[in-house]
């Protein structure tokens, strides 16, 4: 986008200098026939952006917790920092998708996105354990998956229209990753629980599991 914008400014500057070219980088009149997303579907996608950002903030809070010197679980910290980045990327993908479909053109639309960014950082228990954090993450991922499926269902039938492209995009790009992520978290919880039972102490089991995450 930046190179295109700079090119427009250069052309405008050249036109003003030689008096041959004229351009207006302000408003423009573009046909709207190609805009075919329904209002209900757009609202659901915007809500999903909020959901992804909330999940990202939750993972950041978890990562910060395990990064504290008094906790010192670098494996868990790295895992949740990575998870936070993934959720943020999902939100960005959805914003980029709405932009591709031409659904963000006015200042009011961008203001709506700004409102989505107003999220609350979750407050975690001061002594949250590794297994408790993983269990909370699995619940969060399950909620995100259900939310994505809700977007798909809405965009399939809103005003008797089926947004085939968006439904296919969410099913292939998002749901596949969600199901794999849920299975990975379930496996990690199972392994950690077993290690905490078989080792001489639960703390030692969590310590050894943390090393495996690095």
Protein backbone atom coordinates (compact mmCIF):
# COMPACT_ATOMS: atom_id res chain seq x y z
CA UNK A 1 0.00 0.00 0.00
CA UNK A 2 2.78 2.47 0.86
CA UNK A 3 4.54 2.24 -2.55
CA UNK A 4 1.21 2.81 -4.33
CA UNK A 5 0.41 5.82 -2.17
CA UNK A 6 3.87 7.29 -2.73
CA UNK A 7 3.51 6.75 -6.47
CA UNK A 8 0.21 8.66 -6.44
CA UNK A 9 1.82 11.57 -4.60
CA UNK A 10 4.70 11.63 -7.10
CA UNK A 11 2.27 11.71 -10.03
CA UNK A 12 0.27 14.50 -8.40
CA UNK A 13 3.42 16.48 -7.73
CA UNK A 14 4.54 16.03 -11.32
CA UNK A 15 1.14 17.13 -12.56
CA UNK A 16 1.14 20.28 -10.46
CA UNK A 17 4.62 21.10 -11.71
CA UNK A 18 3.97 20.73 -15.41
CA UNK A 19 0.27 21.61 -15.45
CA UNK A 20 -0.56 18.52 -17.49
CA UNK A 21 -1.79 16.05 -14.87
CA UNK A 22 -4.50 16.45 -12.27
CA UNK A 23 -5.48 13.95 -9.57
CA UNK A 24 -7.38 13.91 -6.31
CA UNK A 25 -6.22 11.56 -3.55
CA UNK A 26 -9.35 12.29 -1.54
CA UNK A 27 -12.72 10.75 -2.35
CA UNK A 28 -13.62 8.71 -5.40
CA UNK A 29 -16.74 7.21 -6.92
CA UNK A 30 -16.35 3.45 -7.27
CA UNK A 31 -19.16 1.11 -8.27
CA UNK A 32 -20.60 -0.88 -5.39
CA UNK A 33 -22.12 -3.79 -7.31
CA UNK A 34 -19.16 -5.97 -6.38
CA UNK A 35 -19.84 -5.59 -2.65
CA UNK A 36 -21.89 -8.67 -1.81
CA UNK A 37 -21.30 -9.46 1.87
CA UNK A 38 -24.44 -9.26 4.00
CA UNK A 39 -24.60 -7.03 7.06
CA UNK A 40 -25.13 -9.98 9.39
CA UNK A 41 -22.07 -11.77 8.03
CA UNK A 42 -19.92 -8.65 8.34
CA UNK A 43 -20.98 -8.18 11.97
CA UNK A 44 -20.08 -11.79 12.75
CA UNK A 45 -16.62 -11.40 11.22
CA UNK A 46 -16.03 -8.23 13.22
CA UNK A 47 -17.09 -10.04 16.38
CA UNK A 48 -14.65 -12.83 15.52
CA UNK A 49 -11.87 -10.26 15.26
CA UNK A 50 -12.71 -9.25 18.82
CA UNK A 51 -12.65 -12.89 19.92
CA UNK A 52 -9.23 -13.50 18.38
CA UNK A 53 -7.79 -10.37 20.01
CA UNK A 54 -9.19 -11.36 23.40
CA UNK A 55 -7.54 -14.77 23.08
CA UNK A 56 -4.26 -13.11 22.14
CA UNK A 57 -4.38 -10.86 25.19
CA UNK A 58 -5.14 -13.83 27.43
CA UNK A 59 -2.09 -15.70 26.11
CA UNK A 60 0.08 -12.61 26.56
CA UNK A 61 -1.00 -12.44 30.20
CA UNK A 62 -0.13 -16.12 30.64
CA UNK A 63 3.25 -15.66 28.96
CA UNK A 64 4.03 -12.69 31.19
CA UNK A 65 3.09 -14.72 34.26
CA UNK A 66 5.43 -17.58 33.42
CA UNK A 67 8.20 -15.12 32.49
CA UNK A 68 8.37 -13.67 36.01
CA UNK A 69 11.57 -14.40 37.90
CA UNK A 70 9.54 -15.82 40.76
CA UNK A 71 7.89 -18.35 38.41
CA UNK A 72 10.63 -18.86 35.82
CA UNK A 73 8.97 -21.29 33.42
CA UNK A 74 10.58 -20.27 30.07
CA UNK A 75 9.01 -23.17 28.20
CA UNK A 76 5.47 -22.16 29.12
CA UNK A 77 6.32 -18.51 28.49
CA UNK A 78 7.59 -19.23 24.99
CA UNK A 79 4.59 -21.43 24.21
CA UNK A 80 2.07 -18.77 25.24
CA UNK A 81 3.96 -15.92 23.54
CA UNK A 82 3.76 -17.97 20.34
CA UNK A 83 0.07 -18.64 20.92
CA UNK A 84 -0.57 -14.91 21.41
CA UNK A 85 1.14 -14.16 18.09
CA UNK A 86 -1.00 -16.74 16.30
CA UNK A 87 -4.24 -15.28 17.63
CA UNK A 88 -3.14 -11.77 16.67
CA UNK A 89 -2.34 -13.00 13.17
CA UNK A 90 -5.82 -14.50 12.93
CA UNK A 91 -7.35 -11.14 13.79
CA UNK A 92 -5.18 -9.44 11.16
CA UNK A 93 -6.20 -12.01 8.55
CA UNK A 94 -9.87 -11.29 9.19
CA UNK A 95 -9.32 -7.54 8.96
CA UNK A 96 -7.42 -8.05 5.70
CA UNK A 97 -10.23 -10.25 4.41
CA UNK A 98 -12.86 -7.57 5.04
CA UNK A 99 -10.61 -5.06 3.31
CA UNK A 100 -10.29 -7.41 0.32
CA UNK A 101 -14.07 -7.66 0.13
CA UNK A 102 -14.33 -3.85 0.20
CA UNK A 103 -16.08 -3.60 3.53
CA UNK A 104 -13.86 -0.90 5.07
CA UNK A 105 -14.03 2.35 3.14
CA UNK A 106 -15.17 5.10 5.52
CA UNK A 107 -13.81 6.58 8.72
CA UNK A 108 -16.79 5.10 10.57
CA UNK A 109 -15.79 1.60 9.48
CA UNK A 110 -12.25 2.09 10.72
CA UNK A 111 -13.61 3.51 13.96
CA UNK A 112 -15.56 0.27 14.39
CA UNK A 113 -12.30 -1.68 14.11
CA UNK A 114 -10.77 0.64 16.69
CA UNK A 115 -13.58 -0.21 19.07
CA UNK A 116 -12.78 -3.89 18.62
CA UNK A 117 -9.29 -3.23 19.95
CA UNK A 118 -10.66 -2.05 23.31
CA UNK A 119 -10.06 -5.30 25.20
CA UNK A 120 -9.50 -6.16 28.83
CA UNK A 121 -6.37 -8.05 29.81
CA UNK A 122 -7.49 -11.05 31.89
CA UNK A 123 -6.32 -11.19 35.49
CA UNK A 124 -4.77 -14.57 36.26
CA UNK A 125 -4.56 -16.19 39.69
CA UNK A 126 -1.18 -15.32 41.28
CA UNK A 127 -0.17 -18.98 41.62
CA UNK A 128 -1.60 -20.38 38.38
CA UNK A 129 -0.02 -23.74 37.57
CA UNK A 130 1.12 -24.97 34.20
CA UNK A 131 -1.65 -27.52 33.89
CA UNK A 132 -4.28 -24.94 34.91
CA UNK A 133 -2.98 -22.57 32.23
CA UNK A 134 -3.13 -25.29 29.58
CA UNK A 135 -6.66 -26.23 30.63
CA UNK A 136 -7.73 -22.58 30.42
CA UNK A 137 -6.11 -22.34 26.98
CA UNK A 138 -8.03 -25.41 25.79
CA UNK A 139 -11.30 -23.86 26.99
CA UNK A 140 -10.40 -20.64 25.17
CA UNK A 141 -9.59 -22.47 21.94
CA UNK A 142 -12.84 -24.42 22.17
CA UNK A 143 -14.73 -21.13 22.54
CA UNK A 144 -12.88 -19.63 19.55
CA UNK A 145 -13.71 -22.70 17.44
CA UNK A 146 -17.40 -22.48 18.30
CA UNK A 147 -17.32 -18.77 17.47
CA UNK A 148 -15.79 -19.46 14.04
CA UNK A 149 -18.44 -22.11 13.35
CA UNK A 150 -21.08 -19.54 14.31
CA UNK A 151 -19.62 -17.13 11.73
CA UNK A 152 -19.74 -19.88 9.11
CA UNK A 153 -23.34 -20.78 9.90
CA UNK A 154 -24.42 -17.13 9.74
CA UNK A 155 -22.62 -16.45 6.46
CA UNK A 156 -24.16 -19.57 4.94
CA UNK A 157 -27.74 -18.50 5.49
CA UNK A 158 -27.89 -14.74 6.19
CA UNK A 159 -30.69 -13.32 3.99
CA UNK A 160 -30.82 -16.66 2.13
CA UNK A 161 -27.34 -16.02 0.73
CA UNK A 162 -24.35 -18.30 1.00
CA UNK A 163 -20.99 -16.56 1.12
CA UNK A 164 -19.15 -19.52 -0.40
CA UNK A 165 -15.74 -17.88 -0.48
CA UNK A 166 -15.70 -16.78 3.17
CA UNK A 167 -17.15 -20.09 4.37
CA UNK A 168 -14.48 -22.01 2.46
CA UNK A 169 -11.76 -19.67 3.75
CA UNK A 170 -12.78 -20.05 7.39
CA UNK A 171 -13.26 -23.81 7.11
CA UNK A 172 -9.90 -24.52 5.46
CA UNK A 173 -7.74 -21.76 6.96
CA UNK A 174 -9.12 -21.42 10.49
CA UNK A 175 -11.00 -24.55 11.54
CA UNK A 176 -8.23 -26.90 10.47
CA UNK A 177 -5.73 -25.02 12.64
CA UNK A 178 -8.21 -24.80 15.53
CA UNK A 179 -8.85 -28.55 15.65
CA UNK A 180 -5.14 -29.34 15.46
CA UNK A 181 -4.42 -26.81 18.20
CA UNK A 182 -7.09 -28.27 20.46
CA UNK A 183 -5.68 -31.77 20.00
CA UNK A 184 -2.17 -30.49 20.77
CA UNK A 185 -3.34 -28.80 23.98
CA UNK A 186 -5.26 -31.90 25.08
CA UNK A 187 -2.14 -33.99 24.54
CA UNK A 188 0.03 -31.57 26.51
CA UNK A 189 -2.44 -31.58 29.41
CA UNK A 190 -2.49 -35.38 29.46
CA UNK A 191 1.31 -35.61 29.40
CA UNK A 192 1.79 -32.98 32.11
CA UNK A 193 -0.79 -34.59 34.40
CA UNK A 194 0.99 -37.95 34.08
CA UNK A 195 4.40 -36.40 34.75
CA UNK A 196 3.11 -34.62 37.84
CA UNK A 197 1.84 -37.97 39.18
CA UNK A 198 4.84 -40.13 38.32
CA UNK A 199 7.64 -37.80 39.42
CA UNK A 200 8.67 -37.47 43.06
CA UNK A 201 6.70 -34.19 43.27
CA UNK A 202 4.22 -32.28 41.12
CA UNK A 203 6.58 -29.30 40.97
CA UNK A 204 9.35 -31.47 39.55
CA UNK A 205 7.00 -32.89 36.93
CA UNK A 206 6.01 -29.39 35.81
CA UNK A 207 9.67 -28.32 35.78
CA UNK A 208 10.66 -31.20 33.49
CA UNK A 209 7.65 -30.63 31.23
CA UNK A 210 8.59 -26.95 30.95
CA UNK A 211 12.01 -27.98 29.61
CA UNK A 212 10.31 -30.08 26.92
CA UNK A 213 8.46 -27.01 25.66
CA UNK A 214 11.70 -25.21 24.78
